[in-house]
Amino acid sequence: MQMTDIILMFVSFFLTLFIFSYMVGDNRFFRFATYLFIGVTAGYVTLIIIYQVILPRLLIPLVSGSTHEKLLAVIPFVLSLLLLFKLMPPIT
């Protein structure tokens, strides 16, 4: 076994213990493990969306696609911008 395998084994063991510590009651270890799992999952989903959806289906056709592909990619790009503008507070 390599050193990284041993380290990952101990990390997974302790995270499993942290999750099972919920049986004793809600505590810091359980909350740490859940926050860690949620953060890792959010980061993984973000990377998947960027590299498998946004880049190949939106940005690459806009930059190096044919005219037909560029016209088809402009519509989702504009709609995405409109959704981002909805996040901004209104200017009064």
C-alpha atoms as a PDB file:
ATOM      1  CA  MET A   1       0.000   0.000   0.000  1.00  0.00           C
ATOM      2  CA  GLN A   2       1.141   3.484  -0.740  1.00  0.00           C
ATOM      3  CA  MET A   3       1.210   6.306   1.769  1.00  0.00           C
ATOM      4  CA  THR A   4      -1.694   8.132   0.105  1.00  0.00           C
ATOM      5  CA  ASP A   5      -3.857   5.010   0.414  1.00  0.00           C
ATOM      6  CA  ILE A   6      -3.125   4.816   4.118  1.00  0.00           C
ATOM      7  CA  ILE A   7      -3.906   8.497   4.650  1.00  0.00           C
ATOM      8  CA  LEU A   8      -7.163   8.250   2.699  1.00  0.00           C
ATOM      9  CA  MET A   9      -8.108   5.152   4.691  1.00  0.00           C
ATOM     10  CA  PHE A  10      -7.683   7.025   7.980  1.00  0.00           C
ATOM     11  CA  VAL A  11      -9.545  10.078   6.693  1.00  0.00           C
ATOM     12  CA  SER A  12     -12.471   7.951   5.537  1.00  0.00           C
ATOM     13  CA  PHE A  13     -12.456   6.050   8.830  1.00  0.00           C
ATOM     14  CA  PHE A  14     -12.635   9.242  10.884  1.00  0.00           C
ATOM     15  CA  LEU A  15     -15.303  10.782   8.652  1.00  0.00           C
ATOM     16  CA  THR A  16     -17.364   7.624   9.073  1.00  0.00           C
ATOM     17  CA  LEU A  17     -16.979   7.888  12.846  1.00  0.00           C
ATOM     18  CA  PHE A  18     -17.979  11.552  12.688  1.00  0.00           C
ATOM     19  CA  ILE A  19     -21.160  10.658  10.815  1.00  0.00           C
ATOM     20  CA  PHE A  20     -21.974   7.821  13.221  1.00  0.00           C
ATOM     21  CA  SER A  21     -21.457  10.205  16.158  1.00  0.00           C
ATOM     22  CA  TYR A  22     -24.923  11.578  15.342  1.00  0.00           C
ATOM     23  CA  MET A  23     -26.328   8.550  17.169  1.00  0.00           C
ATOM     24  CA  VAL A  24     -24.961  10.043  20.380  1.00  0.00           C
ATOM     25  CA  GLY A  25     -26.482  13.427  19.558  1.00  0.00           C
ATOM     26  CA  ASP A  26     -25.939  16.398  17.301  1.00  0.00           C
ATOM     27  CA  ASN A  27     -22.348  17.490  17.920  1.00  0.00           C
ATOM     28  CA  ARG A  28     -19.433  19.348  16.308  1.00  0.00           C
ATOM     29  CA  PHE A  29     -17.952  16.283  14.657  1.00  0.00           C
ATOM     30  CA  PHE A  30     -21.183  15.431  12.857  1.00  0.00           C
ATOM     31  CA  ARG A  31     -21.662  19.025  11.718  1.00  0.00           C
ATOM     32  CA  PHE A  32     -18.060  19.199  10.486  1.00  0.00           C
ATOM     33  CA  ALA A  33     -18.503  16.009   8.453  1.00  0.00           C
ATOM     34  CA  THR A  34     -21.815  17.131   6.943  1.00  0.00           C
ATOM     35  CA  TYR A  35     -20.436  20.575   6.042  1.00  0.00           C
ATOM     36  CA  LEU A  36     -17.395  18.914   4.487  1.00  0.00           C
ATOM     37  CA  PHE A  37     -19.510  16.517   2.437  1.00  0.00           C
ATOM     38  CA  ILE A  38     -21.832  19.314   1.295  1.00  0.00           C
ATOM     39  CA  GLY A  39     -18.893  21.525   0.327  1.00  0.00           C
ATOM     40  CA  VAL A  40     -17.116  18.790  -1.600  1.00  0.00           C
ATOM     41  CA  THR A  41     -20.345  17.870  -3.396  1.00  0.00           C
ATOM     42  CA  ALA A  42     -21.060  21.501  -4.312  1.00  0.00           C
ATOM     43  CA  GLY A  43     -17.539  21.923  -5.673  1.00  0.00           C
ATOM     44  CA  TYR A  44     -17.758  18.693  -7.656  1.00  0.00           C
ATOM     45  CA  VAL A  45     -21.127  19.618  -9.180  1.00  0.00           C
ATOM     46  CA  THR A  46     -19.813  23.076 -10.055  1.00  0.00           C
ATOM     47  CA  LEU A  47     -16.820  21.607 -11.883  1.00  0.00           C
ATOM     48  CA  ILE A  48     -19.006  19.116 -13.735  1.00  0.00           C
ATOM     49  CA  ILE A  49     -21.361  21.890 -14.859  1.00  0.00           C
ATOM     50  CA  ILE A  50     -18.486  24.098 -16.009  1.00  0.00           C
ATOM     51  CA  TYR A  51     -16.506  21.449 -17.885  1.00  0.00           C
ATOM     52  CA  GLN A  52     -19.333  19.340 -19.315  1.00  0.00           C
ATOM     53  CA  VAL A  53     -22.081  21.892 -19.947  1.00  0.00           C
ATOM     54  CA  ILE A  54     -20.928  25.515 -20.065  1.00  0.00           C
ATOM     55  CA  LEU A  55     -17.628  25.130 -21.898  1.00  0.00           C
ATOM     56  CA  PRO A  56     -18.531  22.594 -24.613  1.00  0.00           C
ATOM     57  CA  ARG A  57     -22.103  23.719 -25.223  1.00  0.00           C
ATOM     58  CA  LEU A  58     -21.921  27.484 -24.710  1.00  0.00           C
ATOM     59  CA  LEU A  59     -18.468  29.051 -24.802  1.00  0.00           C
ATOM     60  CA  ILE A  60     -16.674  26.896 -27.372  1.00  0.00           C
ATOM     61  CA  PRO A  61     -19.459  27.298 -29.981  1.00  0.00           C
ATOM     62  CA  LEU A  62     -19.434  31.065 -29.348  1.00  0.00           C
ATOM     63  CA  VAL A  63     -15.682  31.315 -29.866  1.00  0.00           C
ATOM     64  CA  SER A  64     -14.861  28.791 -32.558  1.00  0.00           C
ATOM     65  CA  GLY A  65     -18.142  27.525 -33.968  1.00  0.00           C
ATOM     66  CA  SER A  66     -19.758  28.100 -37.310  1.00  0.00           C
ATOM     67  CA  THR A  67     -22.244  30.906 -37.809  1.00  0.00           C
ATOM     68  CA  HIS A  68     -25.151  28.551 -37.199  1.00  0.00           C
ATOM     69  CA  GLU A  69     -23.613  27.282 -33.940  1.00  0.00           C
ATOM     70  CA  LYS A  70     -22.913  30.847 -32.792  1.00  0.00           C
ATOM     71  CA  LEU A  71     -26.508  31.877 -33.384  1.00  0.00           C
ATOM     72  CA  LEU A  72     -27.760  28.846 -31.467  1.00  0.00           C
ATOM     73  CA  ALA A  73     -25.388  29.577 -28.563  1.00  0.00           C
ATOM     74  CA  VAL A  74     -26.300  33.263 -28.280  1.00  0.00           C
ATOM     75  CA  ILE A  75     -29.830  32.523 -27.042  1.00  0.00           C
ATOM     76  CA  PRO A  76     -28.801  30.545 -23.923  1.00  0.00           C
ATOM     77  CA  PHE A  77     -25.980  33.019 -23.290  1.00  0.00           C
ATOM     78  CA  VAL A  78     -28.381  35.987 -23.263  1.00  0.00           C
ATOM     79  CA  LEU A  79     -30.875  34.120 -21.082  1.00  0.00           C
ATOM     80  CA  SER A  80     -28.073  33.246 -18.639  1.00  0.00           C
ATOM     81  CA  LEU A  81     -27.058  36.889 -18.456  1.00  0.00           C
ATOM     82  CA  LEU A  82     -30.651  37.876 -17.728  1.00  0.00           C
ATOM     83  CA  LEU A  83     -30.740  35.372 -14.862  1.00  0.00           C
ATOM     84  CA  LEU A  84     -27.517  36.822 -13.465  1.00  0.00           C
ATOM     85  CA  PHE A  85     -28.950  40.335 -13.656  1.00  0.00           C
ATOM     86  CA  LYS A  86     -31.912  39.138 -11.590  1.00  0.00           C
ATOM     87  CA  LEU A  87     -29.497  38.504  -8.700  1.00  0.00           C
ATOM     88  CA  MET A  88     -28.438  42.144  -8.605  1.00  0.00           C
ATOM     89  CA  PRO A  89     -30.361  44.517  -6.315  1.00  0.00           C
ATOM     90  CA  PRO A  90     -32.617  47.019  -8.069  1.00  0.00           C
ATOM     91  CA  ILE A  91     -31.195  50.460  -8.741  1.00  0.00           C
ATOM     92  CA  THR A  92     -33.437  53.218  -7.407  1.00  0.00           C
END
